[in-house]
Protein backbone atom coordinates (compact mmCIF):
# COMPACT_ATOMS: atom_id res chain seq x y z
CA UNK A 1 29.40 -5.87 -2.88
CA UNK A 2 27.55 -8.62 -4.48
CA UNK A 3 25.16 -10.43 -2.39
CA UNK A 4 23.45 -13.98 -3.55
CA UNK A 5 20.46 -15.45 -1.85
CA UNK A 6 18.61 -18.66 -2.60
CA UNK A 7 14.84 -17.98 -1.44
CA UNK A 8 11.86 -20.22 -1.63
CA UNK A 9 9.06 -18.56 -3.72
CA UNK A 10 6.87 -17.91 -0.86
CA UNK A 11 9.61 -15.81 0.84
CA UNK A 12 10.57 -13.90 -2.19
CA UNK A 13 8.88 -10.56 -1.33
CA UNK A 14 10.64 -10.74 1.98
CA UNK A 15 13.71 -8.99 0.40
CA UNK A 16 12.36 -5.62 1.61
CA UNK A 17 14.08 -6.86 4.88
CA UNK A 18 17.24 -6.43 3.30
CA UNK A 19 16.59 -2.72 2.73
CA UNK A 20 16.62 -2.55 -1.17
CA UNK A 21 14.07 -0.86 -3.04
CA UNK A 22 12.29 -2.01 -6.11
CA UNK A 23 9.84 -0.52 -8.50
CA UNK A 24 6.36 -1.82 -7.79
CA UNK A 25 5.97 -3.08 -11.56
CA UNK A 26 9.23 -4.98 -11.24
CA UNK A 27 7.91 -7.13 -8.44
CA UNK A 28 4.77 -7.60 -10.32
CA UNK A 29 6.39 -9.00 -13.26
CA UNK A 30 8.43 -11.42 -11.20
CA UNK A 31 5.22 -12.53 -9.51
CA UNK A 32 3.84 -13.29 -13.06
CA UNK A 33 7.06 -15.26 -14.04
CA UNK A 34 6.89 -17.44 -10.93
CA UNK A 35 4.54 -20.36 -11.07
CA UNK A 36 4.17 -23.85 -9.23
CA UNK A 37 7.16 -25.15 -11.38
CA UNK A 38 9.59 -22.93 -9.57
CA UNK A 39 10.88 -23.99 -6.11
CA UNK A 40 13.90 -21.58 -5.62
CA UNK A 41 14.64 -18.20 -6.96
CA UNK A 42 18.15 -16.92 -6.77
CA UNK A 43 18.56 -13.22 -6.09
CA UNK A 44 21.92 -11.03 -6.81
CA UNK A 45 22.53 -7.57 -5.38
CA UNK A 46 25.12 -5.01 -6.42
CA UNK A 47 25.35 -1.26 -5.41
CA UNK A 48 22.58 -0.22 -7.86
CA UNK A 49 21.36 -3.34 -9.47
CA UNK A 50 19.23 -6.54 -8.58
CA UNK A 51 19.19 -9.80 -10.43
CA UNK A 52 16.52 -12.31 -10.18
CA UNK A 53 17.34 -15.86 -11.58
CA UNK A 54 14.79 -18.58 -12.43
CA UNK A 55 14.87 -21.99 -13.75
CA UNK A 56 14.78 -20.90 -17.27
CA UNK A 57 15.20 -17.04 -17.28
CA UNK A 58 16.77 -13.89 -15.48
CA UNK A 59 15.35 -10.50 -14.56
CA UNK A 60 17.69 -7.40 -14.01
CA UNK A 61 16.41 -4.37 -12.60
CA UNK A 62 17.73 -1.07 -11.37
CA UNK A 63 17.37 -0.41 -7.55
CA UNK A 64 15.59 2.72 -6.23
CA UNK A 65 17.65 5.13 -3.95
CA UNK A 66 16.92 5.09 -0.25
CA UNK A 67 15.95 2.46 2.20
CA UNK A 68 12.70 0.88 3.10
CA UNK A 69 10.65 1.98 6.00
CA UNK A 70 11.38 0.75 9.36
CA UNK A 71 8.15 -1.11 9.59
CA UNK A 72 8.83 -2.93 12.64
CA UNK A 73 8.85 0.40 14.73
CA UNK A 74 5.79 1.44 13.01
CA UNK A 75 3.80 -1.73 13.88
CA UNK A 76 4.81 -1.38 17.57
CA UNK A 77 3.72 2.12 17.87
CA UNK A 78 0.33 2.82 19.46
CA UNK A 79 -2.17 4.34 17.10
CA UNK A 80 -4.21 7.39 18.24
CA UNK A 81 -7.22 6.62 15.45
CA UNK A 82 -8.51 3.32 14.59
CA UNK A 83 -11.57 2.35 12.42
CA UNK A 84 -13.18 -0.94 11.88
CA UNK A 85 -14.90 -1.07 8.54
CA UNK A 86 -16.25 -3.47 5.77
CA UNK A 87 -13.68 -3.81 3.29
CA UNK A 88 -16.08 -4.10 0.34
CA UNK A 89 -17.94 -0.88 1.28
CA UNK A 90 -14.53 1.09 1.55
CA UNK A 91 -13.41 -0.36 -1.63
CA UNK A 92 -16.42 0.50 -3.52
CA UNK A 93 -16.37 4.17 -2.19
CA UNK A 94 -12.68 4.56 -3.21
CA UNK A 95 -13.27 3.21 -6.68
CA UNK A 96 -16.26 5.76 -7.06
CA UNK A 97 -14.16 8.65 -5.86
CA UNK A 98 -11.32 7.65 -7.93
CA UNK A 99 -13.20 8.30 -11.14
CA UNK A 100 -12.98 11.95 -10.28
CA UNK A 101 -9.33 11.75 -9.19
CA UNK A 102 -8.24 10.17 -12.41
CA UNK A 103 -10.41 12.53 -14.39
CA UNK A 104 -8.21 15.56 -14.24
CA UNK A 105 -7.86 17.50 -17.45
CA UNK A 106 -4.36 17.20 -17.14
CA UNK A 107 -2.99 13.97 -18.61
CA UNK A 108 -1.67 11.38 -16.34
CA UNK A 109 -2.45 13.59 -13.30
CA UNK A 110 -4.35 12.19 -10.44
CA UNK A 111 -5.66 14.08 -7.69
CA UNK A 112 -5.37 12.91 -3.98
CA UNK A 113 -8.45 11.88 -2.02
CA UNK A 114 -9.36 13.43 1.44
CA UNK A 115 -9.95 10.90 4.07
CA UNK A 116 -11.75 12.41 7.28
CA UNK A 117 -12.40 10.15 10.34
CA UNK A 118 -15.11 11.29 12.54
CA UNK A 119 -17.05 9.44 15.25
CA UNK A 120 -18.34 6.07 13.60
CA UNK A 121 -18.17 7.76 10.15
CA UNK A 122 -15.48 7.70 7.48
CA UNK A 123 -15.62 10.46 4.66
CA UNK A 124 -13.87 10.00 1.40
CA UNK A 125 -13.89 12.97 -0.95
CA UNK A 126 -11.92 14.49 -4.04
CA UNK A 127 -12.23 17.68 -6.03
CA UNK A 128 -10.66 17.86 -9.58
CA UNK A 129 -10.63 20.02 -12.57
CA UNK A 130 -13.87 17.86 -13.73
CA UNK A 131 -16.02 17.69 -10.70
CA UNK A 132 -16.57 16.69 -6.99
CA UNK A 133 -17.19 13.28 -5.16
CA UNK A 134 -18.00 12.65 -1.73
CA UNK A 135 -18.66 9.07 0.11
CA UNK A 136 -19.59 8.33 3.70
CA UNK A 137 -19.22 4.91 5.37
CA UNK A 138 -20.45 3.71 8.56
CA UNK A 139 -17.38 2.65 10.77
CA UNK A 140 -16.56 1.76 14.22
CA UNK A 141 -14.14 4.46 15.49
CA UNK A 142 -11.72 4.60 18.37
CA UNK A 143 -9.67 7.77 19.38
CA UNK A 144 -9.22 11.06 17.76
CA UNK A 145 -10.71 12.69 14.54
CA UNK A 146 -8.23 13.06 11.75
CA UNK A 147 -8.06 14.38 8.01
CA UNK A 148 -5.42 13.03 5.66
CA UNK A 149 -4.70 12.84 1.89
CA UNK A 150 -4.01 9.62 0.10
CA UNK A 151 -3.06 8.42 -3.24
CA UNK A 152 -6.38 6.35 -3.87
CA UNK A 153 -4.59 3.74 -6.09
CA UNK A 154 -2.63 2.85 -3.37
CA UNK A 155 -5.43 2.35 -0.88
CA UNK A 156 -7.47 0.21 -3.66
CA UNK A 157 -4.40 -1.89 -4.30
CA UNK A 158 -4.17 -2.80 -0.65
CA UNK A 159 -7.80 -3.29 -0.09
CA UNK A 160 -8.07 -5.72 -3.10
CA UNK A 161 -5.20 -8.07 -1.68
CA UNK A 162 -7.10 -8.62 1.71
CA UNK A 163 -9.53 -11.40 1.73
CA UNK A 164 -11.42 -10.66 5.09
CA UNK A 165 -14.69 -8.88 5.03
CA UNK A 166 -13.88 -6.76 8.01
CA UNK A 167 -10.33 -4.91 8.26
CA UNK A 168 -8.89 -2.36 10.67
CA UNK A 169 -7.32 0.80 9.53
CA UNK A 170 -4.82 2.58 12.11
CA UNK A 171 -4.41 6.02 10.92
CA UNK A 172 -1.20 8.12 11.64
CA UNK A 173 -0.52 11.79 11.07
CA UNK A 174 0.15 13.71 8.02
CA UNK A 175 3.82 12.83 8.40
CA UNK A 176 3.52 9.11 9.71
CA UNK A 177 2.25 5.94 7.81
CA UNK A 178 -1.19 4.51 8.29
CA UNK A 179 -1.43 0.64 8.46
CA UNK A 180 -4.29 -1.54 7.08
CA UNK A 181 -4.82 -5.15 8.18
CA UNK A 182 -7.59 -7.76 8.62
CA UNK A 183 -9.52 -8.15 11.66
CA UNK A 184 -8.79 -12.01 11.80
CA UNK A 185 -5.09 -12.81 11.84
CA UNK A 186 -5.09 -15.51 9.39
CA UNK A 187 -1.53 -15.17 8.05
CA UNK A 188 -2.45 -12.15 5.74
CA UNK A 189 -0.07 -9.20 5.49
CA UNK A 190 -0.25 -5.99 7.34
CA UNK A 191 -0.01 -3.07 4.78
CA UNK A 192 1.35 0.40 5.11
CA UNK A 193 0.33 3.47 3.19
CA UNK A 194 2.11 6.94 3.36
CA UNK A 195 -0.25 9.78 3.50
CA UNK A 196 0.31 12.89 0.95
CA UNK A 197 1.61 15.88 2.67
CA UNK A 198 -0.73 18.79 2.14
CA UNK A 199 0.34 22.33 1.42
CA UNK A 200 -0.52 23.34 5.09
CA UNK A 201 1.98 20.87 6.50
């Protein structure tokens, strides 16, 4: 079944509400195409394909299998571990640790990073075939101590899209998402990242 929508450009990325999944690079390309001259974007859906029609062009992409996370339930779920941290401090730490994560001798392989939350301290670490990295950051911590693994690139992408200096991170478990959001509610997004399951889990 085909579905056609007319969306204002500022609402374009709310298409996730329709439970269709796109490759991240596809949405990045769409964001590059759109500029102030576009008022509306027409979106068409079929079983395995999405079509984005602009004023002077069209982009076709294959849909990914599966459905988007039920993020509304995630947002409502009380967190057991929350930290308040400086965005620049945690971004810089992630970028330094990612140098080790991305330096694996195996081409294209990136090692996950470990995040450990303790009382008023966050530790970000990684061990790869070329070395080790360990960063400690001061935080305000509420709740339980937790240790999880993440893809550092996903974390950095989120952090660079938040403008507030101070952020809140609500950690889930190894099987549930982590949510990142600015302390001040100034219309910015809340971001959800899934941890990497460790072998013990």
